[in-house]
C-alpha atoms as a PDB file:
ATOM      1  CA  MET A   1       0.000   0.000   0.000  1.00  0.00           C
ATOM      2  CA  ALA A   2       1.300   3.441  -0.864  1.00  0.00           C
ATOM      3  CA  ARG A   3       2.340   5.734   1.947  1.00  0.00           C
ATOM      4  CA  THR A   4       0.260   8.847   2.357  1.00  0.00           C
ATOM      5  CA  GLU A   5       2.696  11.218   4.109  1.00  0.00           C
ATOM      6  CA  VAL A   6       6.125  12.223   2.847  1.00  0.00           C
ATOM      7  CA  THR A   7       8.435  14.872   4.256  1.00  0.00           C
ATOM      8  CA  VAL A   8      11.171  16.014   1.899  1.00  0.00           C
ATOM      9  CA  PHE A   9      14.107  17.866   3.413  1.00  0.00           C
ATOM     10  CA  GLY A  10      15.669  20.173   0.841  1.00  0.00           C
ATOM     11  CA  ALA A  11      14.129  22.224  -1.968  1.00  0.00           C
ATOM     12  CA  GLY A  12      16.814  21.748  -4.580  1.00  0.00           C
ATOM     13  CA  VAL A  13      16.037  20.030  -7.843  1.00  0.00           C
ATOM     14  CA  PHE A  14      16.167  16.500  -6.381  1.00  0.00           C
ATOM     15  CA  GLY A  15      13.963  17.312  -3.401  1.00  0.00           C
ATOM     16  CA  LEU A  16      11.392  19.267  -5.384  1.00  0.00           C
ATOM     17  CA  SER A  17      11.267  16.691  -8.188  1.00  0.00           C
ATOM     18  CA  VAL A  18      10.698  13.851  -5.722  1.00  0.00           C
ATOM     19  CA  ALA A  19       8.015  15.910  -3.983  1.00  0.00           C
ATOM     20  CA  PHE A  20       6.299  16.610  -7.317  1.00  0.00           C
ATOM     21  CA  ALA A  21       6.344  12.931  -8.303  1.00  0.00           C
ATOM     22  CA  CYS A  22       4.945  11.831  -4.936  1.00  0.00           C
ATOM     23  CA  LEU A  23       2.160  14.418  -5.076  1.00  0.00           C
ATOM     24  CA  ARG A  24       1.163  13.253  -8.552  1.00  0.00           C
ATOM     25  CA  ARG A  25       0.726   9.762  -7.092  1.00  0.00           C
ATOM     26  CA  GLY A  26      -1.581  10.984  -4.358  1.00  0.00           C
ATOM     27  CA  ALA A  27       0.779  11.385  -1.387  1.00  0.00           C
ATOM     28  CA  ARG A  28       0.594  14.261   1.080  1.00  0.00           C
ATOM     29  CA  VAL A  29       3.916  16.078   0.915  1.00  0.00           C
ATOM     30  CA  VAL A  30       5.709  18.702   2.970  1.00  0.00           C
ATOM     31  CA  VAL A  31       9.032  20.127   1.773  1.00  0.00           C
ATOM     32  CA  VAL A  32      11.228  21.521   4.532  1.00  0.00           C
ATOM     33  CA  GLU A  33      13.567  24.251   3.306  1.00  0.00           C
ATOM     34  CA  PRO A  34      14.999  27.054   5.487  1.00  0.00           C
ATOM     35  CA  HIS A  35      15.874  29.148   2.438  1.00  0.00           C
ATOM     36  CA  ALA A  36      14.243  29.721  -0.934  1.00  0.00           C
ATOM     37  CA  PRO A  37      13.738  26.851  -3.395  1.00  0.00           C
ATOM     38  CA  GLY A  38      16.876  26.413  -5.473  1.00  0.00           C
ATOM     39  CA  ALA A  39      18.916  28.523  -3.058  1.00  0.00           C
ATOM     40  CA  GLY A  40      21.849  26.106  -3.220  1.00  0.00           C
ATOM     41  CA  ALA A  41      23.662  24.483  -6.130  1.00  0.00           C
ATOM     42  CA  SER A  42      20.414  23.729  -7.993  1.00  0.00           C
ATOM     43  CA  GLY A  43      19.743  27.417  -8.640  1.00  0.00           C
ATOM     44  CA  GLY A  44      22.829  28.178 -10.715  1.00  0.00           C
ATOM     45  CA  LEU A  45      23.209  29.617 -14.200  1.00  0.00           C
ATOM     46  CA  LEU A  46      24.436  26.790 -16.410  1.00  0.00           C
ATOM     47  CA  GLY A  47      21.620  24.282 -17.046  1.00  0.00           C
ATOM     48  CA  ALA A  48      23.509  21.981 -19.425  1.00  0.00           C
ATOM     49  CA  LEU A  49      21.605  18.706 -19.765  1.00  0.00           C
ATOM     50  CA  ALA A  50      24.154  16.634 -21.654  1.00  0.00           C
ATOM     51  CA  PRO A  51      24.710  12.885 -22.015  1.00  0.00           C
ATOM     52  CA  HIS A  52      27.738  10.766 -21.342  1.00  0.00           C
ATOM     53  CA  THR A  53      29.423   9.315 -24.419  1.00  0.00           C
ATOM     54  CA  PRO A  54      27.372   6.508 -26.019  1.00  0.00           C
ATOM     55  CA  ASP A  55      30.151   3.902 -25.981  1.00  0.00           C
ATOM     56  CA  GLY A  56      31.007   1.664 -23.018  1.00  0.00           C
ATOM     57  CA  TRP A  57      27.304   1.398 -22.234  1.00  0.00           C
ATOM     58  CA  ASN A  58      26.324   0.571 -18.653  1.00  0.00           C
ATOM     59  CA  ALA A  59      23.471   0.964 -16.172  1.00  0.00           C
ATOM     60  CA  LYS A  60      24.548   4.469 -15.172  1.00  0.00           C
ATOM     61  CA  LYS A  61      24.506   5.688 -18.766  1.00  0.00           C
ATOM     62  CA  GLN A  62      21.166   3.989 -19.375  1.00  0.00           C
ATOM     63  CA  PHE A  63      19.668   5.746 -16.335  1.00  0.00           C
ATOM     64  CA  GLN A  64      20.894   9.135 -17.545  1.00  0.00           C
ATOM     65  CA  PHE A  65      19.706   8.424 -21.104  1.00  0.00           C
ATOM     66  CA  GLU A  66      16.219   7.534 -19.902  1.00  0.00           C
ATOM     67  CA  SER A  67      16.122  10.711 -17.815  1.00  0.00           C
ATOM     68  CA  LEU A  68      17.155  12.925 -20.719  1.00  0.00           C
ATOM     69  CA  ILE A  69      14.565  11.281 -22.986  1.00  0.00           C
ATOM     70  CA  ALA A  70      11.879  11.744 -20.320  1.00  0.00           C
ATOM     71  CA  ALA A  71      12.856  15.358 -19.635  1.00  0.00           C
ATOM     72  CA  GLY A  72      10.579  16.960 -22.227  1.00  0.00           C
ATOM     73  CA  ALA A  73       7.413  15.389 -20.865  1.00  0.00           C
ATOM     74  CA  PHE A  74       8.514  15.857 -17.260  1.00  0.00           C
ATOM     75  CA  TRP A  75       9.243  19.569 -17.539  1.00  0.00           C
ATOM     76  CA  ARG A  76       6.070  20.179 -19.565  1.00  0.00           C
ATOM     77  CA  ALA A  77       4.082  18.613 -16.737  1.00  0.00           C
ATOM     78  CA  VAL A  78       5.906  20.801 -14.219  1.00  0.00           C
ATOM     79  CA  GLU A  79       5.190  23.910 -16.280  1.00  0.00           C
ATOM     80  CA  GLU A  80       1.513  23.020 -16.673  1.00  0.00           C
ATOM     81  CA  ALA A  81       1.108  22.455 -12.938  1.00  0.00           C
ATOM     82  CA  GLY A  82       3.246  25.417 -11.872  1.00  0.00           C
ATOM     83  CA  GLY A  83       2.033  27.930 -14.447  1.00  0.00           C
ATOM     84  CA  ARG A  84       5.561  29.124 -15.245  1.00  0.00           C
ATOM     85  CA  ARG A  85       8.339  28.401 -17.710  1.00  0.00           C
ATOM     86  CA  THR A  86      11.521  26.458 -16.978  1.00  0.00           C
ATOM     87  CA  GLY A  87      13.513  27.422 -20.067  1.00  0.00           C
ATOM     88  CA  TYR A  88      13.740  23.765 -21.115  1.00  0.00           C
ATOM     89  CA  ALA A  89      14.490  22.990 -24.772  1.00  0.00           C
ATOM     90  CA  ARG A  90      16.163  20.036 -26.432  1.00  0.00           C
ATOM     91  CA  VAL A  91      18.546  22.081 -28.573  1.00  0.00           C
ATOM     92  CA  GLY A  92      21.377  19.566 -29.055  1.00  0.00           C
ATOM     93  CA  ARG A  93      25.093  20.128 -28.617  1.00  0.00           C
ATOM     94  CA  LEU A  94      28.246  20.739 -30.691  1.00  0.00           C
ATOM     95  CA  GLN A  95      31.769  19.692 -29.707  1.00  0.00           C
ATOM     96  CA  PRO A  96      35.028  20.256 -31.604  1.00  0.00           C
ATOM     97  CA  VAL A  97      37.122  17.335 -32.824  1.00  0.00           C
ATOM     98  CA  ALA A  98      40.727  17.961 -31.852  1.00  0.00           C
ATOM     99  CA  ASP A  99      42.724  15.557 -34.035  1.00  0.00           C
ATOM    100  CA  GLU A 100      42.604  12.492 -36.271  1.00  0.00           C
ATOM    101  CA  ARG A 101      42.468  10.119 -33.326  1.00  0.00           C
ATOM    102  CA  GLY A 102      39.526  12.069 -31.941  1.00  0.00           C
ATOM    103  CA  LEU A 103      37.845  11.958 -35.342  1.00  0.00           C
ATOM    104  CA  ALA A 104      38.104   8.169 -35.492  1.00  0.00           C
ATOM    105  CA  LEU A 105      36.723   7.929 -31.967  1.00  0.00           C
ATOM    106  CA  ALA A 106      33.839  10.266 -32.840  1.00  0.00           C
ATOM    107  CA  HIS A 107      32.853   8.051 -35.764  1.00  0.00           C
ATOM    108  CA  ALA A 108      33.038   4.951 -33.558  1.00  0.00           C
ATOM    109  CA  ARG A 109      30.813   6.636 -31.004  1.00  0.00           C
ATOM    110  CA  ALA A 110      28.311   7.490 -33.721  1.00  0.00           C
ATOM    111  CA  GLU A 111      28.003   3.775 -34.387  1.00  0.00           C
ATOM    112  CA  ALA A 112      27.676   3.091 -30.651  1.00  0.00           C
ATOM    113  CA  ALA A 113      24.913   5.682 -30.363  1.00  0.00           C
ATOM    114  CA  ALA A 114      22.960   3.987 -33.114  1.00  0.00           C
ATOM    115  CA  GLN A 115      22.776   0.983 -30.793  1.00  0.00           C
ATOM    116  CA  SER A 116      22.681   2.526 -27.317  1.00  0.00           C
ATOM    117  CA  TRP A 117      20.330   5.399 -28.079  1.00  0.00           C
ATOM    118  CA  ALA A 118      17.852   3.158 -29.894  1.00  0.00           C
ATOM    119  CA  GLY A 119      16.944   5.687 -32.567  1.00  0.00           C
ATOM    120  CA  LYS A 120      15.693   8.227 -30.013  1.00  0.00           C
ATOM    121  CA  ALA A 121      18.648  10.573 -30.566  1.00  0.00           C
ATOM    122  CA  GLU A 122      21.709  10.824 -32.786  1.00  0.00           C
ATOM    123  CA  TRP A 123      25.442  11.347 -32.338  1.00  0.00           C
ATOM    124  CA  ARG A 124      27.038  12.317 -35.633  1.00  0.00           C
ATOM    125  CA  VAL A 125      30.136  13.919 -37.141  1.00  0.00           C
ATOM    126  CA  VAL A 126      29.436  17.084 -39.159  1.00  0.00           C
ATOM    127  CA  PRO A 127      31.584  19.748 -40.889  1.00  0.00           C
ATOM    128  CA  ALA A 128      32.254  22.955 -38.971  1.00  0.00           C
ATOM    129  CA  ALA A 129      32.363  25.131 -42.101  1.00  0.00           C
ATOM    130  CA  GLY A 130      29.503  27.545 -42.650  1.00  0.00           C
ATOM    131  CA  ARG A 131      28.313  27.691 -39.048  1.00  0.00           C
ATOM    132  CA  ASP A 132      28.069  31.069 -37.307  1.00  0.00           C
ATOM    133  CA  TRP A 133      27.617  29.421 -33.909  1.00  0.00           C
ATOM    134  CA  ALA A 134      30.175  26.700 -33.286  1.00  0.00           C
ATOM    135  CA  PRO A 135      33.353  26.100 -31.307  1.00  0.00           C
ATOM    136  CA  VAL A 136      36.729  26.389 -32.974  1.00  0.00           C
ATOM    137  CA  SER A 137      37.651  22.960 -34.357  1.00  0.00           C
ATOM    138  CA  PRO A 138      41.278  22.137 -35.303  1.00  0.00           C
ATOM    139  CA  THR A 139      40.123  19.399 -37.694  1.00  0.00           C
ATOM    140  CA  GLY A 140      37.211  21.281 -39.224  1.00  0.00           C
ATOM    141  CA  TRP A 141      34.821  18.640 -37.862  1.00  0.00           C
ATOM    142  CA  LEU A 142      32.285  18.749 -35.033  1.00  0.00           C
ATOM    143  CA  ILE A 143      30.410  16.198 -32.996  1.00  0.00           C
ATOM    144  CA  GLU A 144      26.710  16.960 -32.998  1.00  0.00           C
ATOM    145  CA  ASP A 145      24.265  15.180 -30.728  1.00  0.00           C
ATOM    146  CA  THR A 146      20.508  15.638 -30.662  1.00  0.00           C
ATOM    147  CA  LEU A 147      20.021  14.397 -27.095  1.00  0.00           C
ATOM    148  CA  SER A 148      21.448  17.356 -25.182  1.00  0.00           C
ATOM    149  CA  ALA A 149      19.072  19.971 -23.826  1.00  0.00           C
ATOM    150  CA  ARG A 150      19.153  23.128 -21.770  1.00  0.00           C
ATOM    151  CA  ILE A 151      17.156  24.483 -18.859  1.00  0.00           C
ATOM    152  CA  ASP A 152      17.238  27.576 -16.657  1.00  0.00           C
ATOM    153  CA  PRO A 153      18.063  26.001 -13.263  1.00  0.00           C
ATOM    154  CA  ALA A 154      16.669  28.793 -11.088  1.00  0.00           C
ATOM    155  CA  ALA A 155      13.475  28.998 -13.154  1.00  0.00           C
ATOM    156  CA  ALA A 156      13.149  25.215 -13.056  1.00  0.00           C
ATOM    157  CA  CYS A 157      13.319  25.182  -9.255  1.00  0.00           C
ATOM    158  CA  ALA A 158      10.858  28.077  -8.962  1.00  0.00           C
ATOM    159  CA  THR A 159       8.443  26.326 -11.323  1.00  0.00           C
ATOM    160  CA  LEU A 160       8.799  23.037  -9.458  1.00  0.00           C
ATOM    161  CA  ALA A 161       8.037  24.851  -6.196  1.00  0.00           C
ATOM    162  CA  ALA A 162       4.938  26.403  -7.767  1.00  0.00           C
ATOM    163  CA  ALA A 163       3.879  22.991  -9.095  1.00  0.00           C
ATOM    164  CA  VAL A 164       4.322  21.395  -5.662  1.00  0.00           C
ATOM    165  CA  ALA A 165       2.162  24.114  -4.122  1.00  0.00           C
ATOM    166  CA  ALA A 166      -0.468  23.799  -6.866  1.00  0.00           C
ATOM    167  CA  LEU A 167      -0.784  20.068  -6.170  1.00  0.00           C
ATOM    168  CA  GLY A 168      -1.350  20.688  -2.462  1.00  0.00           C
ATOM    169  CA  GLY A 169       2.192  20.355  -1.159  1.00  0.00           C
ATOM    170  CA  ARG A 170       3.598  22.722   1.429  1.00  0.00           C
ATOM    171  CA  ILE A 171       7.058  24.274   1.372  1.00  0.00           C
ATOM    172  CA  GLY A 172       8.388  25.958   4.485  1.00  0.00           C
ATOM    173  CA  PRO A 173      11.142  26.048   7.104  1.00  0.00           C
ATOM    174  CA  ASP A 174       9.409  23.829   9.677  1.00  0.00           C
ATOM    175  CA  ALA A 175       9.028  20.060   9.720  1.00  0.00           C
ATOM    176  CA  PRO A 176       5.569  18.584  10.443  1.00  0.00           C
ATOM    177  CA  GLN A 177       4.905  16.666  13.630  1.00  0.00           C
ATOM    178  CA  ALA A 178       3.303  13.727  11.835  1.00  0.00           C
ATOM    179  CA  GLY A 179       5.166  10.573  10.913  1.00  0.00           C
ATOM    180  CA  GLY A 180       5.555   8.974   7.518  1.00  0.00           C
ATOM    181  CA  ALA A 181       8.526   8.711   5.191  1.00  0.00           C
ATOM    182  CA  GLN A 182      11.364  11.194   5.006  1.00  0.00           C
ATOM    183  CA  VAL A 183      13.497  11.992   1.966  1.00  0.00           C
ATOM    184  CA  TRP A 184      16.796  13.713   2.649  1.00  0.00           C
ATOM    185  CA  ALA A 185      17.801  15.831  -0.345  1.00  0.00           C
ATOM    186  CA  THR A 186      19.967  18.297   1.526  1.00  0.00           C
ATOM    187  CA  GLY A 187      22.964  18.834  -0.743  1.00  0.00           C
ATOM    188  CA  HIS A 188      26.578  19.026   0.340  1.00  0.00           C
ATOM    189  CA  GLU A 189      25.642  19.902   3.923  1.00  0.00           C
ATOM    190  CA  GLY A 190      23.564  16.736   4.054  1.00  0.00           C
ATOM    191  CA  LEU A 191      26.510  14.689   2.796  1.00  0.00           C
ATOM    192  CA  ALA A 192      28.663  16.136   5.567  1.00  0.00           C
ATOM    193  CA  ALA A 193      26.013  15.346   8.186  1.00  0.00           C
ATOM    194  CA  LEU A 194      25.581  11.806   6.886  1.00  0.00           C
ATOM    195  CA  SER A 195      29.351  11.288   6.917  1.00  0.00           C
ATOM    196  CA  ALA A 196      29.458  12.360  10.560  1.00  0.00           C
ATOM    197  CA  GLU A 197      26.513  10.134  11.474  1.00  0.00           C
ATOM    198  CA  LEU A 198      27.988   7.051   9.825  1.00  0.00           C
ATOM    199  CA  GLY A 199      31.569   7.721  10.861  1.00  0.00           C
ATOM    200  CA  ARG A 200      32.915   7.507   7.318  1.00  0.00           C
ATOM    201  CA  PRO A 201      33.104   9.897   4.350  1.00  0.00           C
ATOM    202  CA  VAL A 202      30.218   9.441   1.940  1.00  0.00           C
ATOM    203  CA  GLY A 203      30.674  12.639  -0.045  1.00  0.00           C
ATOM    204  CA  SER A 204      31.669  16.273   0.007  1.00  0.00           C
ATOM    205  CA  GLY A 205      31.030  19.633  -1.583  1.00  0.00           C
ATOM    206  CA  VAL A 206      32.780  20.877  -4.718  1.00  0.00           C
ATOM    207  CA  LYS A 207      32.561  24.572  -5.467  1.00  0.00           C
ATOM    208  CA  GLY A 208      31.637  25.686  -8.961  1.00  0.00           C
ATOM    209  CA  GLN A 209      31.623  29.101 -10.608  1.00  0.00           C
ATOM    210  CA  ALA A 210      29.752  30.168 -13.729  1.00  0.00           C
ATOM    211  CA  LEU A 211      28.807  33.345 -15.547  1.00  0.00           C
ATOM    212  CA  ALA A 212      26.185  34.626 -17.962  1.00  0.00           C
ATOM    213  CA  LEU A 213      26.777  36.802 -21.011  1.00  0.00           C
ATOM    214  CA  ALA A 214      24.244  39.046 -22.744  1.00  0.00           C
ATOM    215  CA  LEU A 215      23.829  37.294 -26.096  1.00  0.00           C
ATOM    216  CA  ASP A 216      20.408  36.451 -27.501  1.00  0.00           C
ATOM    217  CA  MET A 217      20.550  33.032 -29.221  1.00  0.00           C
ATOM    218  CA  PRO A 218      17.547  31.193 -27.765  1.00  0.00           C
ATOM    219  CA  ASP A 219      17.400  28.432 -30.383  1.00  0.00           C
ATOM    220  CA  ALA A 220      21.134  27.743 -30.709  1.00  0.00           C
ATOM    221  CA  PRO A 221      22.673  24.460 -29.550  1.00  0.00           C
ATOM    222  CA  GLN A 222      24.839  24.296 -26.481  1.00  0.00           C
ATOM    223  CA  LEU A 223      28.574  23.898 -26.985  1.00  0.00           C
ATOM    224  CA  PHE A 224      31.162  21.841 -25.121  1.00  0.00           C
ATOM    225  CA  ALA A 225      34.757  22.908 -25.733  1.00  0.00           C
ATOM    226  CA  ASP A 226      37.952  23.036 -23.660  1.00  0.00           C
ATOM    227  CA  GLY A 227      36.080  21.322 -20.844  1.00  0.00           C
ATOM    228  CA  LEU A 228      33.499  24.122 -20.682  1.00  0.00           C
ATOM    229  CA  HIS A 229      29.744  24.129 -21.192  1.00  0.00           C
ATOM    230  CA  ILE A 230      28.456  27.118 -23.200  1.00  0.00           C
ATOM    231  CA  VAL A 231      24.674  27.192 -23.002  1.00  0.00           C
ATOM    232  CA  PRO A 232      22.359  29.671 -24.799  1.00  0.00           C
ATOM    233  CA  HIS A 233      19.164  30.336 -22.851  1.00  0.00           C
ATOM    234  CA  ALA A 234      15.735  31.606 -23.755  1.00  0.00           C
ATOM    235  CA  ASN A 235      16.183  34.731 -21.601  1.00  0.00           C
ATOM    236  CA  GLY A 236      18.751  36.352 -23.900  1.00  0.00           C
ATOM    237  CA  THR A 237      21.857  35.092 -22.137  1.00  0.00           C
ATOM    238  CA  VAL A 238      24.545  32.496 -22.709  1.00  0.00           C
ATOM    239  CA  ALA A 239      25.789  30.715 -19.605  1.00  0.00           C
ATOM    240  CA  VAL A 240      29.379  29.505 -19.306  1.00  0.00           C
ATOM    241  CA  GLY A 241      30.935  27.192 -16.749  1.00  0.00           C
ATOM    242  CA  SER A 242      32.183  25.812 -14.658  1.00  0.00           C
ATOM    243  CA  THR A 243      35.038  25.414 -12.239  1.00  0.00           C
ATOM    244  CA  SER A 244      35.444  22.366  -9.987  1.00  0.00           C
ATOM    245  CA  GLU A 245      37.132  23.438  -6.769  1.00  0.00           C
ATOM    246  CA  ARG A 246      37.836  20.975  -3.965  1.00  0.00           C
ATOM    247  CA  ASP A 247      39.525  23.634  -1.792  1.00  0.00           C
ATOM    248  CA  TRP A 248      37.606  26.833  -1.224  1.00  0.00           C
ATOM    249  CA  GLN A 249      37.000  29.394   1.502  1.00  0.00           C
ATOM    250  CA  ASP A 250      33.924  31.364   0.418  1.00  0.00           C
ATOM    251  CA  ALA A 251      31.192  29.229  -1.069  1.00  0.00           C
ATOM    252  CA  ASP A 252      29.229  32.048  -2.689  1.00  0.00           C
ATOM    253  CA  THR A 253      32.076  34.289  -3.874  1.00  0.00           C
ATOM    254  CA  THR A 254      33.354  34.460  -7.447  1.00  0.00           C
ATOM    255  CA  ASP A 255      37.011  35.231  -8.111  1.00  0.00           C
ATOM    256  CA  ALA A 256      39.790  35.175 -10.692  1.00  0.00           C
ATOM    257  CA  ALA A 257      39.091  31.529 -11.483  1.00  0.00           C
ATOM    258  CA  LEU A 258      35.890  32.647 -13.183  1.00  0.00           C
ATOM    259  CA  ASP A 259      37.800  35.222 -15.222  1.00  0.00           C
ATOM    260  CA  GLY A 260      39.875  32.338 -16.545  1.00  0.00           C
ATOM    261  CA  ILE A 261      36.712  30.464 -17.498  1.00  0.00           C
ATOM    262  CA  HIS A 262      35.502  33.530 -19.411  1.00  0.00           C
ATOM    263  CA  ALA A 263      38.765  33.866 -21.328  1.00  0.00           C
ATOM    264  CA  ARG A 264      38.805  30.182 -22.264  1.00  0.00           C
ATOM    265  CA  ALA A 265      35.197  30.349 -23.451  1.00  0.00           C
ATOM    266  CA  CYS A 266      35.900  33.330 -25.703  1.00  0.00           C
ATOM    267  CA  ALA A 267      38.907  31.546 -27.185  1.00  0.00           C
ATOM    268  CA  ALA A 268      36.857  28.414 -27.833  1.00  0.00           C
ATOM    269  CA  CYS A 269      33.909  30.347 -29.252  1.00  0.00           C
ATOM    270  CA  PRO A 270      34.881  33.786 -30.655  1.00  0.00           C
ATOM    271  CA  ALA A 271      31.191  34.738 -30.994  1.00  0.00           C
ATOM    272  CA  LEU A 272      31.252  35.368 -27.233  1.00  0.00           C
ATOM    273  CA  ALA A 273      34.098  37.878 -27.305  1.00  0.00           C
ATOM    274  CA  ASP A 274      32.027  41.084 -27.411  1.00  0.00           C
ATOM    275  CA  ALA A 275      29.167  39.912 -25.181  1.00  0.00           C
ATOM    276  CA  PRO A 276      29.124  41.658 -21.782  1.00  0.00           C
ATOM    277  CA  VAL A 277      29.015  39.675 -18.557  1.00  0.00           C
ATOM    278  CA  VAL A 278      25.648  40.196 -16.853  1.00  0.00           C
ATOM    279  CA  ALA A 279      25.798  37.681 -13.996  1.00  0.00           C
ATOM    280  CA  ARG A 280      28.373  35.738 -11.992  1.00  0.00           C
ATOM    281  CA  TRP A 281      27.500  32.779  -9.762  1.00  0.00           C
ATOM    282  CA  ALA A 282      29.213  30.521  -7.291  1.00  0.00           C
ATOM    283  CA  GLY A 283      27.878  27.621  -5.243  1.00  0.00           C
ATOM    284  CA  VAL A 284      28.798  24.272  -3.770  1.00  0.00           C
ATOM    285  CA  ARG A 285      27.599  21.124  -5.513  1.00  0.00           C
ATOM    286  CA  PRO A 286      27.136  17.829  -3.649  1.00  0.00           C
ATOM    287  CA  ARG A 287      29.495  15.099  -4.862  1.00  0.00           C
ATOM    288  CA  ALA A 288      28.971  11.608  -3.458  1.00  0.00           C
ATOM    289  CA  ARG A 289      32.038   9.488  -2.780  1.00  0.00           C
ATOM    290  CA  SER A 290      31.139   7.138  -5.628  1.00  0.00           C
ATOM    291  CA  ARG A 291      30.875  10.134  -8.027  1.00  0.00           C
ATOM    292  CA  ALA A 292      27.378   8.904  -8.922  1.00  0.00           C
ATOM    293  CA  PRO A 293      24.197  10.183  -7.268  1.00  0.00           C
ATOM    294  CA  MET A 294      23.347   8.603  -3.915  1.00  0.00           C
ATOM    295  CA  LEU A 295      19.795   7.244  -3.992  1.00  0.00           C
ATOM    296  CA  GLY A 296      17.925   4.838  -1.747  1.00  0.00           C
ATOM    297  CA  ARG A 297      17.259   3.889   1.838  1.00  0.00           C
ATOM    298  CA  HIS A 298      19.227   5.316   4.730  1.00  0.00           C
ATOM    299  CA  PRO A 299      21.536   2.533   5.947  1.00  0.00           C
ATOM    300  CA  ALA A 300      20.598   2.957   9.608  1.00  0.00           C
ATOM    301  CA  ARG A 301      17.151   4.624   9.805  1.00  0.00           C
ATOM    302  CA  ASP A 302      13.752   3.185   9.020  1.00  0.00           C
ATOM    303  CA  ASP A 303      11.485   5.191   6.732  1.00  0.00           C
ATOM    304  CA  VAL A 304      14.322   7.555   5.778  1.00  0.00           C
ATOM    305  CA  PHE A 305      15.508   7.804   2.180  1.00  0.00           C
ATOM    306  CA  ILE A 306      18.361   9.697   0.562  1.00  0.00           C
ATOM    307  CA  ALA A 307      18.419  11.565  -2.761  1.00  0.00           C
ATOM    308  CA  ASN A 308      21.696  13.448  -2.964  1.00  0.00           C
ATOM    309  CA  GLY A 309      24.965  13.787  -4.845  1.00  0.00           C
ATOM    310  CA  GLY A 310      23.692  15.121  -8.160  1.00  0.00           C
ATOM    311  CA  PHE A 311      26.962  17.061  -8.563  1.00  0.00           C
ATOM    312  CA  LYS A 312      27.182  18.362 -12.157  1.00  0.00           C
ATOM    313  CA  ILE A 313      24.330  16.315 -13.653  1.00  0.00           C
ATOM    314  CA  GLY A 314      21.607  16.614 -11.031  1.00  0.00           C
ATOM    315  CA  VAL A 315      19.150  18.671 -13.095  1.00  0.00           C
ATOM    316  CA  GLY A 316      19.509  16.282 -16.022  1.00  0.00           C
ATOM    317  CA  LEU A 317      18.857  13.282 -13.792  1.00  0.00           C
ATOM    318  CA  ALA A 318      15.917  14.829 -11.928  1.00  0.00           C
ATOM    319  CA  PRO A 319      13.090  13.289 -14.026  1.00  0.00           C
ATOM    320  CA  LYS A 320      14.392   9.751 -13.524  1.00  0.00           C
ATOM    321  CA  VAL A 321      15.409  10.340  -9.904  1.00  0.00           C
ATOM    322  CA  ALA A 322      11.876  11.541  -9.175  1.00  0.00           C
ATOM    323  CA  GLU A 323      10.432   8.391 -10.733  1.00  0.00           C
ATOM    324  CA  VAL A 324      12.614   5.839  -8.963  1.00  0.00           C
ATOM    325  CA  MET A 325      12.461   7.585  -5.600  1.00  0.00           C
ATOM    326  CA  ALA A 326       8.653   7.798  -5.743  1.00  0.00           C
ATOM    327  CA  ASP A 327       8.606   4.084  -6.634  1.00  0.00           C
ATOM    328  CA  LEU A 328      10.763   3.287  -3.616  1.00  0.00           C
ATOM    329  CA  VAL A 329       9.177   5.622  -1.064  1.00  0.00           C
ATOM    330  CA  LEU A 330       5.539   5.017  -1.981  1.00  0.00           C
ATOM    331  CA  GLU A 331       5.524   1.482  -3.341  1.00  0.00           C
ATOM    332  CA  GLY A 332       8.627  -0.144  -1.891  1.00  0.00           C
ATOM    333  CA  HIS A 333       9.833  -0.932  -5.421  1.00  0.00           C
ATOM    334  CA  ASP A 334      13.587  -0.442  -5.814  1.00  0.00           C
ATOM    335  CA  ALA A 335      14.645   0.224  -9.429  1.00  0.00           C
ATOM    336  CA  ILE A 336      17.804   2.154  -8.535  1.00  0.00           C
ATOM    337  CA  PRO A 337      20.968   0.953 -10.317  1.00  0.00           C
ATOM    338  CA  PRO A 338      23.508  -0.544  -7.879  1.00  0.00           C
ATOM    339  CA  GLU A 339      26.002   2.129  -8.949  1.00  0.00           C
ATOM    340  CA  PHE A 340      23.605   4.815  -7.656  1.00  0.00           C
ATOM    341  CA  ALA A 341      22.642   3.046  -4.441  1.00  0.00           C
ATOM    342  CA  VAL A 342      23.623   4.497  -1.076  1.00  0.00           C
ATOM    343  CA  ALA A 343      25.811   1.448  -0.477  1.00  0.00           C
ATOM    344  CA  ALA A 344      28.047   2.434  -3.396  1.00  0.00           C
ATOM    345  CA  SER A 345      29.270   5.457  -1.441  1.00  0.00           C
ATOM    346  CA  LEU A 346      29.828   3.396   1.716  1.00  0.00           C
ATOM    347  CA  ARG A 347      32.347   0.985   0.242  1.00  0.00           C
END
């Protein structure tokens, strides 16, 4: 029998998505959040929903693929319930091919995608010539995939919060007195608390910095070059990021590291060179010890579940995370890949 009461701690994209999925299945849901929805890492600027490479297929890649395929329907449902826009669009992605070895690998991955992606998206090698919006490519060739998408993370969290409220959920700083299931989706601070509780490290926070440039290209594909995501948004900006900083002092402060990101982005994509910077962002993303998201039952507490560790791909995984966590919390059905299970970060 499905549970009827769920308390979700944390109003980032994992917490809000799980709350939304549980409400749609008839549960009564309270989301406990001391700050605003998306106040942490989920409310950044970047919003790059991009797949892993299609070769070396495994359960983790399948999970992400299914989430990216489901994203269109999921975010449409969120927008319909919440009455706002999320900035979601499946615009695809372009990547430069650096050398002949990379070109051979790109062609091999195109063949792998034909199998792994089951005709639902393509990975192909295309010429760079004649494109106004593309990264610099030493070989003159680009990798184009049709699976990648973009979303405005802050707008997505705000719309999810509105959808939760519209379906009868409550979001506030105080936990209810009633019992029922709990879902801990509390970001890097939650990973630190869980590490202390269990007496072993299960994850940590990694700081990231990103920026937004004033450049109106709402229908352009995102780019991935020199390790950077360059993501055009519907609001007239292009987001660029990000850093990955293990050692940091001020979680919310941008610094010279972001200036380096800007310079690299302009070198990789000269179309950005004259666009002014209109926003700078910094935040700490939760990285589980296994590097994969941490999903499932708490190892020592009954009726407590964990949805954490989204790190750089949390927004892209949210549709599938919401589905499998609602299955587990409400129905007791565990469809979480072993690589994403809580136990994977306890080894």
